[in-house]
PDB file of N, CA and C in Angstrom:
ATOM      1  N   MET A   1      40.838 -44.786  40.154  1.00  0.00           N
ATOM      2  CA  MET A   1      41.331 -44.973  41.507  1.00  0.00           C
ATOM      3  C   MET A   1      40.967 -46.379  41.958  1.00  0.00           C
ATOM      4  N   ASP A   2      41.909 -47.023  42.559  1.00  0.00           N
ATOM      5  CA  ASP A   2      41.728 -48.385  43.018  1.00  0.00           C
ATOM      6  C   ASP A   2      40.825 -48.417  44.249  1.00  0.00           C
ATOM      7  N   PRO A   3      39.694 -49.149  44.194  1.00  0.00           N
ATOM      8  CA  PRO A   3      38.785 -49.163  45.359  1.00  0.00           C
ATOM      9  C   PRO A   3      39.385 -49.853  46.576  1.00  0.00           C
ATOM     10  N   LEU A   4      40.387 -50.692  46.372  1.00  0.00           N
ATOM     11  CA  LEU A   4      40.988 -51.374  47.516  1.00  0.00           C
ATOM     12  C   LEU A   4      41.813 -50.430  48.383  1.00  0.00           C
ATOM     13  N   ARG A   5      42.239 -49.316  47.829  1.00  0.00           N
ATOM     14  CA  ARG A   5      42.983 -48.344  48.636  1.00  0.00           C
ATOM     15  C   ARG A   5      42.059 -47.515  49.517  1.00  0.00           C
ATOM     16  N   HIS A   6      40.809 -47.382  49.098  1.00  0.00           N
ATOM     17  CA  HIS A   6      39.843 -46.568  49.838  1.00  0.00           C
ATOM     18  C   HIS A   6      38.534 -47.348  50.000  1.00  0.00           C
ATOM     19  N   PRO A   7      38.402 -48.176  51.043  1.00  0.00           N
ATOM     20  CA  PRO A   7      37.194 -48.982  51.234  1.00  0.00           C
ATOM     21  C   PRO A   7      35.928 -48.151  51.406  1.00  0.00           C
ATOM     22  N   ARG A   8      36.071 -46.893  51.861  1.00  0.00           N
ATOM     23  CA  ARG A   8      34.877 -46.058  52.033  1.00  0.00           C
ATOM     24  C   ARG A   8      34.195 -45.791  50.705  1.00  0.00           C
ATOM     25  N   GLN A   9      34.961 -45.715  49.628  1.00  0.00           N
ATOM     26  CA  GLN A   9      34.361 -45.477  48.321  1.00  0.00           C
ATOM     27  C   GLN A   9      33.529 -46.670  47.863  1.00  0.00           C
ATOM     28  N   ALA A  10      33.884 -47.860  48.278  1.00  0.00           N
ATOM     29  CA  ALA A  10      33.107 -49.037  47.915  1.00  0.00           C
ATOM     30  C   ALA A  10      31.727 -49.004  48.564  1.00  0.00           C
ATOM     31  N   ALA A  11      31.613 -48.339  49.693  1.00  0.00           N
ATOM     32  CA  ALA A  11      30.326 -48.231  50.379  1.00  0.00           C
ATOM     33  C   ALA A  11      29.344 -47.364  49.596  1.00  0.00           C
ATOM     34  N   LEU A  12      29.836 -46.579  48.649  1.00  0.00           N
ATOM     35  CA  LEU A  12      28.956 -45.741  47.840  1.00  0.00           C
ATOM     36  C   LEU A  12      28.095 -46.549  46.877  1.00  0.00           C
ATOM     37  N   VAL A  13      28.363 -47.853  46.765  1.00  0.00           N
ATOM     38  CA  VAL A  13      27.530 -48.720  45.934  1.00  0.00           C
ATOM     39  C   VAL A  13      26.084 -48.666  46.418  1.00  0.00           C
ATOM     40  N   GLY A  14      25.886 -48.597  47.711  1.00  0.00           N
ATOM     41  CA  GLY A  14      24.542 -48.569  48.279  1.00  0.00           C
ATOM     42  C   GLY A  14      23.793 -47.286  48.030  1.00  0.00           C
ATOM     43  N   ILE A  15      24.491 -46.221  47.681  1.00  0.00           N
ATOM     44  CA  ILE A  15      23.820 -44.938  47.463  1.00  0.00           C
ATOM     45  C   ILE A  15      22.850 -45.031  46.287  1.00  0.00           C
ATOM     46  N   ILE A  16      23.114 -45.914  45.347  1.00  0.00           N
ATOM     47  CA  ILE A  16      22.218 -46.083  44.194  1.00  0.00           C
ATOM     48  C   ILE A  16      20.824 -46.482  44.670  1.00  0.00           C
ATOM     49  N   PHE A  17      20.756 -47.443  45.577  1.00  0.00           N
ATOM     50  CA  PHE A  17      19.466 -47.918  46.053  1.00  0.00           C
ATOM     51  C   PHE A  17      18.775 -46.882  46.928  1.00  0.00           C
ATOM     52  N   VAL A  18      19.551 -46.126  47.672  1.00  0.00           N
ATOM     53  CA  VAL A  18      18.963 -45.074  48.497  1.00  0.00           C
ATOM     54  C   VAL A  18      18.346 -43.995  47.603  1.00  0.00           C
ATOM     55  N   VAL A  19      19.031 -43.625  46.538  1.00  0.00           N
ATOM     56  CA  VAL A  19      18.499 -42.624  45.614  1.00  0.00           C
ATOM     57  C   VAL A  19      17.242 -43.142  44.925  1.00  0.00           C
ATOM     58  N   ILE A  20      17.246 -44.398  44.515  1.00  0.00           N
ATOM     59  CA  ILE A  20      16.051 -44.982  43.899  1.00  0.00           C
ATOM     60  C   ILE A  20      14.895 -44.995  44.888  1.00  0.00           C
ATOM     61  N   GLY A  21      15.172 -45.305  46.166  1.00  0.00           N
ATOM     62  CA  GLY A  21      14.132 -45.291  47.184  1.00  0.00           C
ATOM     63  C   GLY A  21      13.547 -43.906  47.399  1.00  0.00           C
ATOM     64  N   ILE A  22      14.400 -42.887  47.372  1.00  0.00           N
ATOM     65  CA  ILE A  22      13.916 -41.513  47.532  1.00  0.00           C
ATOM     66  C   ILE A  22      13.049 -41.110  46.351  1.00  0.00           C
ATOM     67  N   VAL A  23      13.470 -41.474  45.150  1.00  0.00           N
ATOM     68  CA  VAL A  23      12.662 -41.182  43.953  1.00  0.00           C
ATOM     69  C   VAL A  23      11.344 -41.953  44.009  1.00  0.00           C
ATOM     70  N   PHE A  24      11.401 -43.202  44.462  1.00  0.00           N
ATOM     71  CA  PHE A  24      10.222 -44.052  44.571  1.00  0.00           C
ATOM     72  C   PHE A  24       9.211 -43.467  45.560  1.00  0.00           C
ATOM     73  N   TRP A  25       9.708 -42.728  46.557  1.00  0.00           N
ATOM     74  CA  TRP A  25       8.836 -42.052  47.514  1.00  0.00           C
ATOM     75  C   TRP A  25       8.372 -40.696  46.991  1.00  0.00           C
ATOM     76  N   ALA A  26       9.282 -39.939  46.378  1.00  0.00           N
ATOM     77  CA  ALA A  26       8.992 -38.552  46.007  1.00  0.00           C
ATOM     78  C   ALA A  26       8.005 -38.439  44.849  1.00  0.00           C
ATOM     79  N   LEU A  27       8.118 -39.279  43.843  1.00  0.00           N
ATOM     80  CA  LEU A  27       7.228 -39.171  42.686  1.00  0.00           C
ATOM     81  C   LEU A  27       5.752 -39.326  43.067  1.00  0.00           C
ATOM     82  N   PRO A  28       5.370 -40.369  43.792  1.00  0.00           N
ATOM     83  CA  PRO A  28       3.959 -40.473  44.181  1.00  0.00           C
ATOM     84  C   PRO A  28       3.526 -39.397  45.174  1.00  0.00           C
ATOM     85  N   THR A  29       4.445 -38.987  46.056  1.00  0.00           N
ATOM     86  CA  THR A  29       4.091 -37.977  47.043  1.00  0.00           C
ATOM     87  C   THR A  29       3.737 -36.658  46.369  1.00  0.00           C
ATOM     88  N   TYR A  30       4.589 -36.213  45.484  1.00  0.00           N
ATOM     89  CA  TYR A  30       4.347 -34.932  44.819  1.00  0.00           C
ATOM     90  C   TYR A  30       3.386 -35.052  43.646  1.00  0.00           C
ATOM     91  N   GLY A  31       3.138 -36.270  43.178  1.00  0.00           N
ATOM     92  CA  GLY A  31       2.176 -36.478  42.106  1.00  0.00           C
ATOM     93  C   GLY A  31       0.760 -36.687  42.620  1.00  0.00           C
ATOM     94  N   GLY A  32       0.620 -36.882  43.915  1.00  0.00           N
ATOM     95  CA  GLY A  32      -0.700 -37.070  44.506  1.00  0.00           C
ATOM     96  C   GLY A  32      -1.198 -38.507  44.435  1.00  0.00           C
ATOM     97  N   TRP A  33      -0.291 -39.462  44.191  1.00  0.00           N
ATOM     98  CA  TRP A  33      -0.682 -40.864  44.099  1.00  0.00           C
ATOM     99  C   TRP A  33      -0.412 -41.583  45.412  1.00  0.00           C
ATOM    100  N   HIS A  34      -0.744 -42.863  45.446  1.00  0.00           N
ATOM    101  CA  HIS A  34      -0.529 -43.699  46.629  1.00  0.00           C
ATOM    102  C   HIS A  34       0.959 -44.033  46.750  1.00  0.00           C
ATOM    103  N   VAL A  35       1.508 -43.867  47.940  1.00  0.00           N
ATOM    104  CA  VAL A  35       2.914 -44.178  48.189  1.00  0.00           C
ATOM    105  C   VAL A  35       3.012 -45.580  48.765  1.00  0.00           C
ATOM    106  N   ASP A  36       3.877 -46.397  48.183  1.00  0.00           N
ATOM    107  CA  ASP A  36       4.125 -47.747  48.687  1.00  0.00           C
ATOM    108  C   ASP A  36       5.247 -47.663  49.718  1.00  0.00           C
ATOM    109  N   TYR A  37       4.880 -47.468  50.974  1.00  0.00           N
ATOM    110  CA  TYR A  37       5.873 -47.276  52.027  1.00  0.00           C
ATOM    111  C   TYR A  37       6.713 -48.521  52.279  1.00  0.00           C
ATOM    112  N   ALA A  38       6.146 -49.703  52.050  1.00  0.00           N
ATOM    113  CA  ALA A  38       6.922 -50.930  52.217  1.00  0.00           C
ATOM    114  C   ALA A  38       8.040 -50.993  51.186  1.00  0.00           C
ATOM    115  N   GLY A  39       7.737 -50.613  49.954  1.00  0.00           N
ATOM    116  CA  GLY A  39       8.757 -50.609  48.910  1.00  0.00           C
ATOM    117  C   GLY A  39       9.839 -49.580  49.170  1.00  0.00           C
ATOM    118  N   VAL A  40       9.439 -48.417  49.649  1.00  0.00           N
ATOM    119  CA  VAL A  40      10.409 -47.367  49.967  1.00  0.00           C
ATOM    120  C   VAL A  40      11.329 -47.829  51.090  1.00  0.00           C
ATOM    121  N   THR A  41      10.752 -48.415  52.123  1.00  0.00           N
ATOM    122  CA  THR A  41      11.539 -48.898  53.254  1.00  0.00           C
ATOM    123  C   THR A  41      12.510 -49.985  52.816  1.00  0.00           C
ATOM    124  N   MET A  42      12.040 -50.913  52.001  1.00  0.00           N
ATOM    125  CA  MET A  42      12.904 -51.994  51.543  1.00  0.00           C
ATOM    126  C   MET A  42      14.045 -51.471  50.682  1.00  0.00           C
ATOM    127  N   LEU A  43      13.780 -50.503  49.804  1.00  0.00           N
ATOM    128  CA  LEU A  43      14.849 -49.948  48.975  1.00  0.00           C
ATOM    129  C   LEU A  43      15.875 -49.199  49.813  1.00  0.00           C
ATOM    130  N   LEU A  44      15.426 -48.440  50.789  1.00  0.00           N
ATOM    131  CA  LEU A  44      16.360 -47.717  51.649  1.00  0.00           C
ATOM    132  C   LEU A  44      17.226 -48.674  52.470  1.00  0.00           C
ATOM    133  N   LEU A  45      16.602 -49.700  53.036  1.00  0.00           N
ATOM    134  CA  LEU A  45      17.368 -50.663  53.822  1.00  0.00           C
ATOM    135  C   LEU A  45      18.281 -51.523  52.951  1.00  0.00           C
ATOM    136  N   LEU A  46      17.857 -51.802  51.721  1.00  0.00           N
ATOM    137  CA  LEU A  46      18.722 -52.509  50.787  1.00  0.00           C
ATOM    138  C   LEU A  46      19.958 -51.672  50.477  1.00  0.00           C
ATOM    139  N   GLY A  47      19.774 -50.380  50.331  1.00  0.00           N
ATOM    140  CA  GLY A  47      20.917 -49.502  50.100  1.00  0.00           C
ATOM    141  C   GLY A  47      21.908 -49.533  51.252  1.00  0.00           C
ATOM    142  N   VAL A  48      21.406 -49.496  52.459  1.00  0.00           N
ATOM    143  CA  VAL A  48      22.281 -49.559  53.640  1.00  0.00           C
ATOM    144  C   VAL A  48      23.011 -50.896  53.680  1.00  0.00           C
ATOM    145  N   ALA A  49      22.283 -51.993  53.432  1.00  0.00           N
ATOM    146  CA  ALA A  49      22.894 -53.318  53.466  1.00  0.00           C
ATOM    147  C   ALA A  49      23.942 -53.485  52.368  1.00  0.00           C
ATOM    148  N   MET A  50      23.666 -52.982  51.175  1.00  0.00           N
ATOM    149  CA  MET A  50      24.623 -53.087  50.071  1.00  0.00           C
ATOM    150  C   MET A  50      25.881 -52.271  50.371  1.00  0.00           C
ATOM    151  N   ALA A  51      25.716 -51.108  50.969  1.00  0.00           N
ATOM    152  CA  ALA A  51      26.878 -50.284  51.301  1.00  0.00           C
ATOM    153  C   ALA A  51      27.764 -50.984  52.331  1.00  0.00           C
ATOM    154  N   ILE A  52      27.155 -51.551  53.348  1.00  0.00           N
ATOM    155  CA  ILE A  52      27.927 -52.254  54.380  1.00  0.00           C
ATOM    156  C   ILE A  52      28.604 -53.485  53.791  1.00  0.00           C
ATOM    157  N   MET A  53      27.879 -54.234  52.947  1.00  0.00           N
ATOM    158  CA  MET A  53      28.450 -55.437  52.350  1.00  0.00           C
ATOM    159  C   MET A  53      29.629 -55.092  51.436  1.00  0.00           C
ATOM    160  N   ALA A  54      29.467 -54.074  50.595  1.00  0.00           N
ATOM    161  CA  ALA A  54      30.553 -53.699  49.685  1.00  0.00           C
ATOM    162  C   ALA A  54      31.769 -53.220  50.467  1.00  0.00           C
ATOM    163  N   TRP A  55      31.551 -52.448  51.507  1.00  0.00           N
ATOM    164  CA  TRP A  55      32.661 -51.974  52.328  1.00  0.00           C
ATOM    165  C   TRP A  55      33.384 -53.154  52.987  1.00  0.00           C
ATOM    166  N   ALA A  56      32.616 -54.101  53.538  1.00  0.00           N
ATOM    167  CA  ALA A  56      33.235 -55.236  54.229  1.00  0.00           C
ATOM    168  C   ALA A  56      34.032 -56.120  53.268  1.00  0.00           C
ATOM    169  N   LEU A  57      33.495 -56.321  52.061  1.00  0.00           N
ATOM    170  CA  LEU A  57      34.208 -57.148  51.093  1.00  0.00           C
ATOM    171  C   LEU A  57      35.499 -56.483  50.619  1.00  0.00           C
ATOM    172  N   VAL A  58      35.448 -55.200  50.375  1.00  0.00           N
ATOM    173  CA  VAL A  58      36.653 -54.508  49.898  1.00  0.00           C
ATOM    174  C   VAL A  58      37.667 -54.349  51.037  1.00  0.00           C
ATOM    175  N   ALA A  59      37.196 -54.044  52.218  1.00  0.00           N
ATOM    176  CA  ALA A  59      38.107 -53.859  53.355  1.00  0.00           C
ATOM    177  C   ALA A  59      38.780 -55.168  53.732  1.00  0.00           C
ATOM    178  N   GLY A  60      38.106 -56.282  53.533  1.00  0.00           N
ATOM    179  CA  GLY A  60      38.668 -57.574  53.898  1.00  0.00           C
ATOM    180  C   GLY A  60      39.469 -58.231  52.801  1.00  0.00           C
ATOM    181  N   SER A  61      39.512 -57.630  51.614  1.00  0.00           N
ATOM    182  CA  SER A  61      40.259 -58.211  50.506  1.00  0.00           C
ATOM    183  C   SER A  61      41.754 -57.990  50.704  1.00  0.00           C
ATOM    184  N   PRO A  62      42.560 -58.948  50.247  1.00  0.00           N
ATOM    185  CA  PRO A  62      44.011 -58.738  50.346  1.00  0.00           C
ATOM    186  C   PRO A  62      44.465 -57.625  49.406  1.00  0.00           C
ATOM    187  N   ASN A  63      45.489 -56.908  49.778  1.00  0.00           N
ATOM    188  CA  ASN A  63      45.998 -55.785  48.982  1.00  0.00           C
ATOM    189  C   ASN A  63      47.121 -56.223  48.055  1.00  0.00           C
ATOM    190  N   GLU A  64      46.897 -57.253  47.275  1.00  0.00           N
ATOM    191  CA  GLU A  64      47.937 -57.765  46.374  1.00  0.00           C
ATOM    192  C   GLU A  64      47.825 -57.136  45.022  1.00  0.00           C
TER     193      GLU A  64
END
């Protein structure tokens, strides 16, 4: 499926970073280790930023 026809699908690029951030939080939490909250926050916000950026780039691209 062409991503230019559906810009919302391009925003799913950021979901990768959000999932990594959740895993980065969950493993130490359930393992009883120290959680790096700064790293978790940065990964989650990076996911949001990547999703918005990918959506904006695809939505603004010409449909040629």
